[in-house]
Amino acid sequence: MMNQTAILLTAAALAAQFVIPGCSSCSRNLDGPPESVVSSQAQESMPAQSVPEEEPSLPEEEEPSPELPALAMSADFLAIEKLSNESVTWGPGTIQDELGRSVACVDLQEKYGHYQACFIGPEDENTIVLSFDQGYENGYTAPILDTLKEKGVQAVFFLTGHYVRSQPELVQRMIDEGHILGNHSDSHKVYCRDLSIEDSAADAIWMQNYLRENFNYEMRLFRFPEGVFSEQSLALMQQMGYQSIFWSFAYNDWDPANQPDPETAKERIEKFLHPGEIMLLHSVSATNAQILPEVIDMIRDKGYEIGPHADWVV
């Protein structure tokens, strides 16, 4: 049983207990994203018959958007320990409702949504999310970013510790070009199963601090390694301040040595397109890099927008 004095641990305390050998050799001091743009109303010209004695009032400038607060990055381990740690077996499956939405993901959303988990958006959500898992670099992320920039698309990239250490230039490019970065763990081990609750928290905290210190970036989305979760791990991420993002579409694109045929891949993506979709793609895929321009065009031709869902805090 855990010590009663360890109910609430701060991020600093956890990080101090979780040392990653060799991490300092990959640290870089990089400039953060541009400062928030302060919008202002355009000054209107004076009407032709305005009273000369009265000077036109200057338009009031809008207040800059307040910065979102940093994540809490702390949790009540004793309370979390009382929840089930049984891994939930799940997948989007191929059974669709009348709107083409994954029935499995709709059910999961209803069951676990109160943990700030997102498997699929609402049925009236007209936005499709393009999300990429970044475990390691295989030479296709730059072309993918080129396509996203050309098409004016904001995507979500879920990063592992290996990726942020080994690919700082690409990580910085994602930030500079307006994409959203999510925490995909440092170790890519299953939280609250391969790691204890405390070590799971420390693993996420290391990633959060690394992005803060080296890229001036605050991640707010989390994706579980392998998509494996339990009530314990969902509650842990929720208490630390994350939204846990899953997916409502994926296909066999993760093996570089066994890539799907491009035409078959496009057909499958189109067949399962649905409102509120969260599409999981892997950036190691040559097929994904090749078909992405056509996939984006197809999504838009179907009447959808592309970006984060409206209720995500990013």
C-alpha atoms as a PDB file:
ATOM      1  CA  MET A   1       0.000   0.000   0.000  1.00  0.00           C
ATOM      2  CA  MET A   2       1.333   3.457  -0.818  1.00  0.00           C
ATOM      3  CA  ASN A   3       2.534   5.832   1.899  1.00  0.00           C
ATOM      4  CA  GLN A   4      -0.297   8.182   3.009  1.00  0.00           C
ATOM      5  CA  THR A   5       2.034  11.171   2.691  1.00  0.00           C
ATOM      6  CA  ALA A   6       2.356  10.587  -1.064  1.00  0.00           C
ATOM      7  CA  ILE A   7      -1.273  11.316  -1.914  1.00  0.00           C
ATOM      8  CA  LEU A   8      -0.392  14.430  -3.870  1.00  0.00           C
ATOM      9  CA  LEU A   9       2.995  14.736  -5.521  1.00  0.00           C
ATOM     10  CA  THR A  10       3.988  17.745  -7.536  1.00  0.00           C
ATOM     11  CA  ALA A  11       5.579  17.586 -10.941  1.00  0.00           C
ATOM     12  CA  ALA A  12       8.891  18.776  -9.603  1.00  0.00           C
ATOM     13  CA  ALA A  13       9.048  16.024  -7.022  1.00  0.00           C
ATOM     14  CA  LEU A  14       8.190  13.335  -9.523  1.00  0.00           C
ATOM     15  CA  ALA A  15      10.616  14.612 -12.118  1.00  0.00           C
ATOM     16  CA  ALA A  16      13.429  14.593  -9.615  1.00  0.00           C
ATOM     17  CA  GLN A  17      12.844  10.865  -9.033  1.00  0.00           C
ATOM     18  CA  PHE A  18      12.750   9.982 -12.709  1.00  0.00           C
ATOM     19  CA  VAL A  19      16.170  10.320 -14.325  1.00  0.00           C
ATOM     20  CA  ILE A  20      16.546   9.510 -18.007  1.00  0.00           C
ATOM     21  CA  PRO A  21      20.148   8.503 -18.742  1.00  0.00           C
ATOM     22  CA  GLY A  22      21.706  10.594 -21.482  1.00  0.00           C
ATOM     23  CA  CYS A  23      18.753  12.967 -21.885  1.00  0.00           C
ATOM     24  CA  SER A  24      20.870  16.050 -21.227  1.00  0.00           C
ATOM     25  CA  SER A  25      23.006  15.370 -24.284  1.00  0.00           C
ATOM     26  CA  CYS A  26      19.932  15.943 -26.494  1.00  0.00           C
ATOM     27  CA  SER A  27      18.837  19.176 -24.836  1.00  0.00           C
ATOM     28  CA  ARG A  28      18.703  22.264 -27.016  1.00  0.00           C
ATOM     29  CA  ASN A  29      17.696  25.826 -26.303  1.00  0.00           C
ATOM     30  CA  LEU A  30      15.243  26.581 -29.085  1.00  0.00           C
ATOM     31  CA  ASP A  31      13.090  29.637 -29.542  1.00  0.00           C
ATOM     32  CA  GLY A  32       9.451  29.077 -28.680  1.00  0.00           C
ATOM     33  CA  PRO A  33       6.447  29.759 -30.893  1.00  0.00           C
ATOM     34  CA  PRO A  34       5.683  33.337 -31.934  1.00  0.00           C
ATOM     35  CA  GLU A  35       4.043  35.587 -29.392  1.00  0.00           C
ATOM     36  CA  SER A  36       0.261  35.641 -29.349  1.00  0.00           C
ATOM     37  CA  VAL A  37      -1.148  37.967 -31.944  1.00  0.00           C
ATOM     38  CA  VAL A  38      -3.176  40.808 -30.456  1.00  0.00           C
ATOM     39  CA  SER A  39      -6.068  41.515 -32.797  1.00  0.00           C
ATOM     40  CA  SER A  40      -7.540  45.011 -33.077  1.00  0.00           C
ATOM     41  CA  GLN A  41     -10.415  46.551 -34.913  1.00  0.00           C
ATOM     42  CA  ALA A  42      -9.526  48.432 -38.092  1.00  0.00           C
ATOM     43  CA  GLN A  43      -9.895  52.182 -37.632  1.00  0.00           C
ATOM     44  CA  GLU A  44     -12.840  53.467 -39.643  1.00  0.00           C
ATOM     45  CA  SER A  45     -12.477  56.630 -41.703  1.00  0.00           C
ATOM     46  CA  MET A  46     -14.438  59.742 -40.622  1.00  0.00           C
ATOM     47  CA  PRO A  47     -17.787  60.183 -42.317  1.00  0.00           C
ATOM     48  CA  ALA A  48     -17.870  63.062 -44.818  1.00  0.00           C
ATOM     49  CA  GLN A  49     -20.347  65.084 -42.728  1.00  0.00           C
ATOM     50  CA  SER A  50     -18.877  64.481 -39.272  1.00  0.00           C
ATOM     51  CA  VAL A  51     -18.876  67.388 -36.816  1.00  0.00           C
ATOM     52  CA  PRO A  52     -15.443  69.027 -36.990  1.00  0.00           C
ATOM     53  CA  GLU A  53     -15.390  70.026 -33.307  1.00  0.00           C
ATOM     54  CA  GLU A  54     -15.557  66.382 -32.278  1.00  0.00           C
ATOM     55  CA  GLU A  55     -12.464  64.327 -32.837  1.00  0.00           C
ATOM     56  CA  PRO A  56     -13.132  60.777 -33.921  1.00  0.00           C
ATOM     57  CA  SER A  57     -12.629  58.312 -31.131  1.00  0.00           C
ATOM     58  CA  LEU A  58      -9.925  55.748 -31.614  1.00  0.00           C
ATOM     59  CA  PRO A  59     -11.074  52.137 -31.702  1.00  0.00           C
ATOM     60  CA  GLU A  60     -10.510  50.193 -28.529  1.00  0.00           C
ATOM     61  CA  GLU A  61      -7.949  47.470 -28.830  1.00  0.00           C
ATOM     62  CA  GLU A  62      -9.043  44.009 -27.831  1.00  0.00           C
ATOM     63  CA  GLU A  63      -7.308  42.437 -24.900  1.00  0.00           C
ATOM     64  CA  PRO A  64      -4.797  39.764 -25.860  1.00  0.00           C
ATOM     65  CA  SER A  65      -6.070  36.237 -25.422  1.00  0.00           C
ATOM     66  CA  PRO A  66      -5.001  34.994 -21.992  1.00  0.00           C
ATOM     67  CA  GLU A  67      -2.400  32.269 -21.926  1.00  0.00           C
ATOM     68  CA  LEU A  68      -3.808  28.902 -20.912  1.00  0.00           C
ATOM     69  CA  PRO A  69      -2.488  27.812 -17.516  1.00  0.00           C
ATOM     70  CA  ALA A  70       0.165  25.131 -17.265  1.00  0.00           C
ATOM     71  CA  LEU A  71      -1.107  21.626 -16.549  1.00  0.00           C
ATOM     72  CA  ALA A  72      -1.412  20.564 -12.926  1.00  0.00           C
ATOM     73  CA  MET A  73       0.824  17.510 -13.450  1.00  0.00           C
ATOM     74  CA  SER A  74      -0.125  16.048 -10.055  1.00  0.00           C
ATOM     75  CA  ALA A  75      -2.451  13.253  -9.009  1.00  0.00           C
ATOM     76  CA  ASP A  76      -4.028  11.479  -6.048  1.00  0.00           C
ATOM     77  CA  PHE A  77      -2.313   8.104  -6.370  1.00  0.00           C
ATOM     78  CA  LEU A  78      -4.226   6.460  -3.521  1.00  0.00           C
ATOM     79  CA  ALA A  79      -7.581   7.310  -5.067  1.00  0.00           C
ATOM     80  CA  ILE A  80      -6.421   6.157  -8.499  1.00  0.00           C
ATOM     81  CA  GLU A  81      -5.167   2.866  -7.056  1.00  0.00           C
ATOM     82  CA  LYS A  82      -8.745   1.993  -6.038  1.00  0.00           C
ATOM     83  CA  LEU A  83      -9.917   2.039  -9.672  1.00  0.00           C
ATOM     84  CA  SER A  84      -9.740  -0.919 -12.032  1.00  0.00           C
ATOM     85  CA  ASN A  85      -6.367  -1.533 -13.664  1.00  0.00           C
ATOM     86  CA  GLU A  86      -7.723  -4.096 -16.131  1.00  0.00           C
ATOM     87  CA  SER A  87      -6.739  -3.143 -19.658  1.00  0.00           C
ATOM     88  CA  VAL A  88      -9.757  -2.386 -21.832  1.00  0.00           C
ATOM     89  CA  THR A  89      -9.798  -4.350 -25.072  1.00  0.00           C
ATOM     90  CA  TRP A  90     -11.029  -2.059 -27.837  1.00  0.00           C
ATOM     91  CA  GLY A  91     -10.712  -1.009 -31.453  1.00  0.00           C
ATOM     92  CA  PRO A  92     -12.742   1.069 -33.927  1.00  0.00           C
ATOM     93  CA  GLY A  93     -13.824  -2.118 -35.704  1.00  0.00           C
ATOM     94  CA  THR A  94     -15.736  -2.103 -38.987  1.00  0.00           C
ATOM     95  CA  ILE A  95     -19.342  -1.881 -37.733  1.00  0.00           C
ATOM     96  CA  GLN A  96     -20.728   1.554 -38.614  1.00  0.00           C
ATOM     97  CA  ASP A  97     -23.949   3.348 -37.752  1.00  0.00           C
ATOM     98  CA  GLU A  98     -26.141   5.156 -40.294  1.00  0.00           C
ATOM     99  CA  LEU A  99     -23.688   8.093 -40.324  1.00  0.00           C
ATOM    100  CA  GLY A 100     -20.692   5.834 -40.942  1.00  0.00           C
ATOM    101  CA  ARG A 101     -19.438   6.266 -37.370  1.00  0.00           C
ATOM    102  CA  SER A 102     -17.704   3.473 -35.487  1.00  0.00           C
ATOM    103  CA  VAL A 103     -20.296   1.924 -33.167  1.00  0.00           C
ATOM    104  CA  ALA A 104     -17.517   0.729 -30.854  1.00  0.00           C
ATOM    105  CA  CYS A 105     -16.059   4.231 -30.504  1.00  0.00           C
ATOM    106  CA  VAL A 106     -19.472   5.780 -29.874  1.00  0.00           C
ATOM    107  CA  ASP A 107     -20.004   3.277 -27.035  1.00  0.00           C
ATOM    108  CA  LEU A 108     -16.518   3.904 -25.626  1.00  0.00           C
ATOM    109  CA  GLN A 109     -17.107   7.653 -25.713  1.00  0.00           C
ATOM    110  CA  GLU A 110     -20.289   7.277 -23.704  1.00  0.00           C
ATOM    111  CA  LYS A 111     -18.605   5.013 -21.167  1.00  0.00           C
ATOM    112  CA  TYR A 112     -15.281   6.793 -20.647  1.00  0.00           C
ATOM    113  CA  GLY A 113     -15.858  10.361 -21.828  1.00  0.00           C
ATOM    114  CA  HIS A 114     -16.125  11.604 -18.234  1.00  0.00           C
ATOM    115  CA  TYR A 115     -12.378  10.927 -17.909  1.00  0.00           C
ATOM    116  CA  GLN A 116     -11.703  13.623 -20.538  1.00  0.00           C
ATOM    117  CA  ALA A 117     -11.152  10.822 -23.051  1.00  0.00           C
ATOM    118  CA  CYS A 118     -12.010  11.313 -26.715  1.00  0.00           C
ATOM    119  CA  PHE A 119     -12.524   8.321 -29.017  1.00  0.00           C
ATOM    120  CA  ILE A 120     -14.794  10.127 -31.482  1.00  0.00           C
ATOM    121  CA  GLY A 121     -16.342  13.579 -31.747  1.00  0.00           C
ATOM    122  CA  PRO A 122     -20.064  14.402 -31.612  1.00  0.00           C
ATOM    123  CA  GLU A 123     -22.189  13.334 -34.559  1.00  0.00           C
ATOM    124  CA  ASP A 124     -22.633  16.980 -35.571  1.00  0.00           C
ATOM    125  CA  GLU A 125     -18.853  17.584 -35.522  1.00  0.00           C
ATOM    126  CA  ASN A 126     -17.978  18.475 -39.113  1.00  0.00           C
ATOM    127  CA  THR A 127     -14.222  18.419 -38.510  1.00  0.00           C
ATOM    128  CA  ILE A 128     -11.929  15.494 -39.252  1.00  0.00           C
ATOM    129  CA  VAL A 129      -8.757  15.222 -37.160  1.00  0.00           C
ATOM    130  CA  LEU A 130      -5.552  14.116 -38.877  1.00  0.00           C
ATOM    131  CA  SER A 131      -3.314  12.716 -36.128  1.00  0.00           C
ATOM    132  CA  PHE A 132       0.147  11.231 -36.594  1.00  0.00           C
ATOM    133  CA  ASP A 133       2.023   9.013 -34.150  1.00  0.00           C
ATOM    134  CA  GLN A 134       5.745   9.840 -34.120  1.00  0.00           C
ATOM    135  CA  GLY A 135       7.685   6.919 -32.664  1.00  0.00           C
ATOM    136  CA  TYR A 136      10.783   7.255 -34.853  1.00  0.00           C
ATOM    137  CA  GLU A 137      11.764   9.018 -38.056  1.00  0.00           C
ATOM    138  CA  ASN A 138      11.683   7.168 -41.381  1.00  0.00           C
ATOM    139  CA  GLY A 139      12.204  10.067 -43.762  1.00  0.00           C
ATOM    140  CA  TYR A 140       8.543  10.866 -44.480  1.00  0.00           C
ATOM    141  CA  THR A 141       7.699  13.492 -41.867  1.00  0.00           C
ATOM    142  CA  ALA A 142       9.200  16.367 -43.859  1.00  0.00           C
ATOM    143  CA  PRO A 143       7.158  15.516 -47.005  1.00  0.00           C
ATOM    144  CA  ILE A 144       4.062  15.149 -44.815  1.00  0.00           C
ATOM    145  CA  LEU A 145       4.717  18.589 -43.330  1.00  0.00           C
ATOM    146  CA  ASP A 146       5.250  19.989 -46.828  1.00  0.00           C
ATOM    147  CA  THR A 147       1.818  18.708 -47.864  1.00  0.00           C
ATOM    148  CA  LEU A 148       0.110  20.021 -44.725  1.00  0.00           C
ATOM    149  CA  LYS A 149       1.658  23.452 -45.289  1.00  0.00           C
ATOM    150  CA  GLU A 150       0.685  23.506 -48.961  1.00  0.00           C
ATOM    151  CA  LYS A 151      -2.897  22.494 -48.137  1.00  0.00           C
ATOM    152  CA  GLY A 152      -3.239  24.774 -45.112  1.00  0.00           C
ATOM    153  CA  VAL A 153      -3.997  21.901 -42.714  1.00  0.00           C
ATOM    154  CA  GLN A 154      -3.398  21.842 -38.950  1.00  0.00           C
ATOM    155  CA  ALA A 155      -2.599  18.315 -37.777  1.00  0.00           C
ATOM    156  CA  VAL A 156      -1.856  16.719 -34.405  1.00  0.00           C
ATOM    157  CA  PHE A 157       1.482  14.970 -33.829  1.00  0.00           C
ATOM    158  CA  PHE A 158       1.847  12.631 -30.841  1.00  0.00           C
ATOM    159  CA  LEU A 159       5.523  12.468 -29.897  1.00  0.00           C
ATOM    160  CA  THR A 160       7.584   9.906 -27.991  1.00  0.00           C
ATOM    161  CA  GLY A 161      10.697  10.628 -25.972  1.00  0.00           C
ATOM    162  CA  HIS A 162      12.889   9.034 -28.624  1.00  0.00           C
ATOM    163  CA  TYR A 163      11.416  11.299 -31.280  1.00  0.00           C
ATOM    164  CA  VAL A 164      11.855  14.592 -29.423  1.00  0.00           C
ATOM    165  CA  ARG A 165      15.446  13.712 -28.527  1.00  0.00           C
ATOM    166  CA  SER A 166      16.456  12.607 -32.014  1.00  0.00           C
ATOM    167  CA  GLN A 167      14.446  14.997 -34.239  1.00  0.00           C
ATOM    168  CA  PRO A 168      14.496  18.458 -32.634  1.00  0.00           C
ATOM    169  CA  GLU A 169      14.463  20.272 -35.998  1.00  0.00           C
ATOM    170  CA  LEU A 170      11.296  18.499 -37.131  1.00  0.00           C
ATOM    171  CA  VAL A 171       9.641  19.067 -33.748  1.00  0.00           C
ATOM    172  CA  GLN A 172      10.444  22.772 -33.980  1.00  0.00           C
ATOM    173  CA  ARG A 173       9.110  22.864 -37.533  1.00  0.00           C
ATOM    174  CA  MET A 174       5.804  21.352 -36.351  1.00  0.00           C
ATOM    175  CA  ILE A 175       5.506  24.127 -33.782  1.00  0.00           C
ATOM    176  CA  ASP A 176       6.550  26.889 -36.178  1.00  0.00           C
ATOM    177  CA  GLU A 177       3.997  25.756 -38.766  1.00  0.00           C
ATOM    178  CA  GLY A 178       1.121  25.767 -36.291  1.00  0.00           C
ATOM    179  CA  HIS A 179       0.562  22.081 -35.619  1.00  0.00           C
ATOM    180  CA  ILE A 180      -0.517  20.633 -32.275  1.00  0.00           C
ATOM    181  CA  LEU A 181       1.875  18.448 -30.301  1.00  0.00           C
ATOM    182  CA  GLY A 182       0.654  15.711 -27.967  1.00  0.00           C
ATOM    183  CA  ASN A 183       2.371  13.565 -25.358  1.00  0.00           C
ATOM    184  CA  HIS A 184       2.774   9.935 -26.488  1.00  0.00           C
ATOM    185  CA  SER A 185       4.999   9.072 -23.483  1.00  0.00           C
ATOM    186  CA  ASP A 186       8.747   8.959 -23.067  1.00  0.00           C
ATOM    187  CA  SER A 187       9.178   5.179 -22.773  1.00  0.00           C
ATOM    188  CA  HIS A 188       6.220   4.001 -24.911  1.00  0.00           C
ATOM    189  CA  LYS A 189       5.386   1.542 -22.128  1.00  0.00           C
ATOM    190  CA  VAL A 190       1.808   0.847 -21.084  1.00  0.00           C
ATOM    191  CA  TYR A 191       0.849   3.132 -18.210  1.00  0.00           C
ATOM    192  CA  CYS A 192      -0.233   1.557 -14.911  1.00  0.00           C
ATOM    193  CA  ARG A 193       0.657  -1.888 -16.291  1.00  0.00           C
ATOM    194  CA  ASP A 194       4.285  -1.907 -17.452  1.00  0.00           C
ATOM    195  CA  LEU A 195       4.927   1.054 -15.162  1.00  0.00           C
ATOM    196  CA  SER A 196       3.574   1.761 -11.681  1.00  0.00           C
ATOM    197  CA  ILE A 197       1.140   4.630 -11.224  1.00  0.00           C
ATOM    198  CA  GLU A 198       3.951   6.820  -9.878  1.00  0.00           C
ATOM    199  CA  ASP A 199       6.363   5.911 -12.678  1.00  0.00           C
ATOM    200  CA  SER A 200       3.639   6.434 -15.281  1.00  0.00           C
ATOM    201  CA  ALA A 201       3.132   9.945 -13.960  1.00  0.00           C
ATOM    202  CA  ALA A 202       6.875  10.552 -13.943  1.00  0.00           C
ATOM    203  CA  ASP A 203       7.150   9.321 -17.531  1.00  0.00           C
ATOM    204  CA  ALA A 204       4.525  11.826 -18.718  1.00  0.00           C
ATOM    205  CA  ILE A 205       6.069  14.594 -16.617  1.00  0.00           C
ATOM    206  CA  TRP A 206       9.487  14.061 -18.165  1.00  0.00           C
ATOM    207  CA  MET A 207       8.003  14.552 -21.627  1.00  0.00           C
ATOM    208  CA  GLN A 208       6.040  17.613 -20.539  1.00  0.00           C
ATOM    209  CA  ASN A 209       9.089  19.227 -18.973  1.00  0.00           C
ATOM    210  CA  TYR A 210      11.297  18.401 -21.950  1.00  0.00           C
ATOM    211  CA  LEU A 211       8.941  20.178 -24.343  1.00  0.00           C
ATOM    212  CA  ARG A 212       8.573  23.104 -21.942  1.00  0.00           C
ATOM    213  CA  GLU A 213      12.290  23.563 -21.430  1.00  0.00           C
ATOM    214  CA  ASN A 214      13.545  22.894 -24.961  1.00  0.00           C
ATOM    215  CA  PHE A 215      10.657  24.119 -27.142  1.00  0.00           C
ATOM    216  CA  ASN A 216       8.654  26.456 -24.872  1.00  0.00           C
ATOM    217  CA  TYR A 217       5.602  24.305 -25.636  1.00  0.00           C
ATOM    218  CA  GLU A 218       2.840  23.115 -23.302  1.00  0.00           C
ATOM    219  CA  MET A 219       1.262  19.838 -24.419  1.00  0.00           C
ATOM    220  CA  ARG A 220      -2.391  19.314 -23.451  1.00  0.00           C
ATOM    221  CA  LEU A 221      -3.278  16.127 -25.330  1.00  0.00           C
ATOM    222  CA  PHE A 222      -2.141  12.598 -24.461  1.00  0.00           C
ATOM    223  CA  ARG A 223      -2.240   9.397 -26.460  1.00  0.00           C
ATOM    224  CA  PHE A 224      -1.611   6.098 -24.683  1.00  0.00           C
ATOM    225  CA  PRO A 225       1.179   3.865 -25.972  1.00  0.00           C
ATOM    226  CA  GLU A 226      -0.354   1.086 -28.086  1.00  0.00           C
ATOM    227  CA  GLY A 227      -3.757   2.624 -27.302  1.00  0.00           C
ATOM    228  CA  VAL A 228      -3.855   0.470 -24.160  1.00  0.00           C
ATOM    229  CA  PHE A 229      -5.706   2.008 -21.217  1.00  0.00           C
ATOM    230  CA  SER A 230      -7.516   1.224 -17.983  1.00  0.00           C
ATOM    231  CA  GLU A 231      -9.655   3.290 -15.636  1.00  0.00           C
ATOM    232  CA  GLN A 232      -6.526   3.869 -13.547  1.00  0.00           C
ATOM    233  CA  SER A 233      -4.538   5.293 -16.445  1.00  0.00           C
ATOM    234  CA  LEU A 234      -7.467   7.388 -17.690  1.00  0.00           C
ATOM    235  CA  ALA A 235      -7.957   8.884 -14.221  1.00  0.00           C
ATOM    236  CA  LEU A 236      -4.216   9.536 -13.902  1.00  0.00           C
ATOM    237  CA  MET A 237      -4.046  11.487 -17.150  1.00  0.00           C
ATOM    238  CA  GLN A 238      -7.227  13.400 -16.318  1.00  0.00           C
ATOM    239  CA  GLN A 239      -5.917  14.481 -12.912  1.00  0.00           C
ATOM    240  CA  MET A 240      -2.626  15.569 -14.466  1.00  0.00           C
ATOM    241  CA  GLY A 241      -4.586  17.850 -16.777  1.00  0.00           C
ATOM    242  CA  TYR A 242      -4.592  16.006 -20.117  1.00  0.00           C
ATOM    243  CA  GLN A 243      -7.292  15.133 -22.579  1.00  0.00           C
ATOM    244  CA  SER A 244      -6.702  11.512 -23.619  1.00  0.00           C
ATOM    245  CA  ILE A 245      -7.076  11.257 -27.405  1.00  0.00           C
ATOM    246  CA  PHE A 246      -7.746   7.887 -29.062  1.00  0.00           C
ATOM    247  CA  TRP A 247      -8.980   7.361 -32.627  1.00  0.00           C
ATOM    248  CA  SER A 248     -12.050   6.255 -34.574  1.00  0.00           C
ATOM    249  CA  PHE A 249     -10.167   5.180 -37.700  1.00  0.00           C
ATOM    250  CA  ALA A 250      -6.849   3.427 -38.257  1.00  0.00           C
ATOM    251  CA  TYR A 251      -5.464   0.975 -40.772  1.00  0.00           C
ATOM    252  CA  ASN A 252      -2.365  -1.164 -41.263  1.00  0.00           C
ATOM    253  CA  ASP A 253       0.140   1.560 -42.125  1.00  0.00           C
ATOM    254  CA  TRP A 254       2.751   1.191 -39.362  1.00  0.00           C
ATOM    255  CA  ASP A 255       5.054  -1.459 -40.883  1.00  0.00           C
ATOM    256  CA  PRO A 256       7.512   0.154 -43.352  1.00  0.00           C
ATOM    257  CA  ALA A 257       8.288  -3.262 -44.832  1.00  0.00           C
ATOM    258  CA  ASN A 258       4.621  -4.066 -45.504  1.00  0.00           C
ATOM    259  CA  GLN A 259       3.013  -0.905 -46.821  1.00  0.00           C
ATOM    260  CA  PRO A 260      -0.575  -0.912 -48.102  1.00  0.00           C
ATOM    261  CA  ASP A 261      -1.271  -0.289 -51.771  1.00  0.00           C
ATOM    262  CA  PRO A 262      -1.966   3.451 -52.233  1.00  0.00           C
ATOM    263  CA  GLU A 263      -5.242   2.984 -54.119  1.00  0.00           C
ATOM    264  CA  THR A 264      -6.503   0.429 -51.598  1.00  0.00           C
ATOM    265  CA  ALA A 265      -5.523   2.752 -48.760  1.00  0.00           C
ATOM    266  CA  LYS A 266      -7.422   5.698 -50.252  1.00  0.00           C
ATOM    267  CA  GLU A 267     -10.505   3.546 -50.796  1.00  0.00           C
ATOM    268  CA  ARG A 268     -10.462   2.358 -47.185  1.00  0.00           C
ATOM    269  CA  ILE A 269     -10.004   5.866 -45.796  1.00  0.00           C
ATOM    270  CA  GLU A 270     -12.895   7.137 -47.917  1.00  0.00           C
ATOM    271  CA  LYS A 271     -15.144   4.201 -47.015  1.00  0.00           C
ATOM    272  CA  PHE A 272     -14.849   4.855 -43.278  1.00  0.00           C
ATOM    273  CA  LEU A 273     -14.939   8.667 -43.346  1.00  0.00           C
ATOM    274  CA  HIS A 274     -17.435   9.906 -40.741  1.00  0.00           C
ATOM    275  CA  PRO A 275     -18.500  12.930 -38.657  1.00  0.00           C
ATOM    276  CA  GLY A 276     -16.301  13.543 -35.617  1.00  0.00           C
ATOM    277  CA  GLU A 277     -13.571  11.269 -36.960  1.00  0.00           C
ATOM    278  CA  ILE A 278     -10.137  11.062 -35.362  1.00  0.00           C
ATOM    279  CA  MET A 279      -7.877   9.515 -37.991  1.00  0.00           C
ATOM    280  CA  LEU A 280      -4.728   7.766 -36.795  1.00  0.00           C
ATOM    281  CA  LEU A 281      -1.871   7.733 -39.298  1.00  0.00           C
ATOM    282  CA  HIS A 282       1.775   6.788 -38.860  1.00  0.00           C
ATOM    283  CA  SER A 283       4.460   9.047 -40.266  1.00  0.00           C
ATOM    284  CA  VAL A 284       6.790   6.102 -41.007  1.00  0.00           C
ATOM    285  CA  SER A 285       4.451   5.151 -43.852  1.00  0.00           C
ATOM    286  CA  ALA A 286       5.530   5.763 -47.441  1.00  0.00           C
ATOM    287  CA  THR A 287       1.920   5.217 -48.510  1.00  0.00           C
ATOM    288  CA  ASN A 288       0.624   7.925 -46.192  1.00  0.00           C
ATOM    289  CA  ALA A 289       3.171  10.434 -47.477  1.00  0.00           C
ATOM    290  CA  GLN A 290       2.201   9.591 -51.058  1.00  0.00           C
ATOM    291  CA  ILE A 291      -1.585   9.720 -50.736  1.00  0.00           C
ATOM    292  CA  LEU A 292      -1.929  12.549 -48.198  1.00  0.00           C
ATOM    293  CA  PRO A 293      -2.582  15.333 -50.778  1.00  0.00           C
ATOM    294  CA  GLU A 294      -5.409  13.323 -52.344  1.00  0.00           C
ATOM    295  CA  VAL A 295      -6.799  12.315 -48.937  1.00  0.00           C
ATOM    296  CA  ILE A 296      -6.984  15.959 -47.845  1.00  0.00           C
ATOM    297  CA  ASP A 297      -8.725  16.928 -51.084  1.00  0.00           C
ATOM    298  CA  MET A 298     -11.165  14.028 -50.728  1.00  0.00           C
ATOM    299  CA  ILE A 299     -12.033  14.987 -47.142  1.00  0.00           C
ATOM    300  CA  ARG A 300     -12.778  18.544 -48.184  1.00  0.00           C
ATOM    301  CA  ASP A 301     -14.707  17.440 -51.260  1.00  0.00           C
ATOM    302  CA  LYS A 302     -16.962  15.469 -48.898  1.00  0.00           C
ATOM    303  CA  GLY A 303     -17.799  18.717 -47.096  1.00  0.00           C
ATOM    304  CA  TYR A 304     -15.595  18.286 -44.019  1.00  0.00           C
ATOM    305  CA  GLU A 305     -13.085  20.632 -42.444  1.00  0.00           C
ATOM    306  CA  ILE A 306      -9.740  19.419 -41.076  1.00  0.00           C
ATOM    307  CA  GLY A 307      -8.330  20.377 -37.692  1.00  0.00           C
ATOM    308  CA  PRO A 308      -8.797  19.778 -33.960  1.00  0.00           C
ATOM    309  CA  HIS A 309     -12.297  19.231 -32.595  1.00  0.00           C
ATOM    310  CA  ALA A 310     -14.102  22.243 -31.200  1.00  0.00           C
ATOM    311  CA  ASP A 311     -14.122  20.992 -27.592  1.00  0.00           C
ATOM    312  CA  TRP A 312     -10.388  20.230 -27.417  1.00  0.00           C
ATOM    313  CA  VAL A 313      -8.203  22.470 -25.267  1.00  0.00           C
ATOM    314  CA  VAL A 314      -5.138  23.072 -27.450  1.00  0.00           C
END
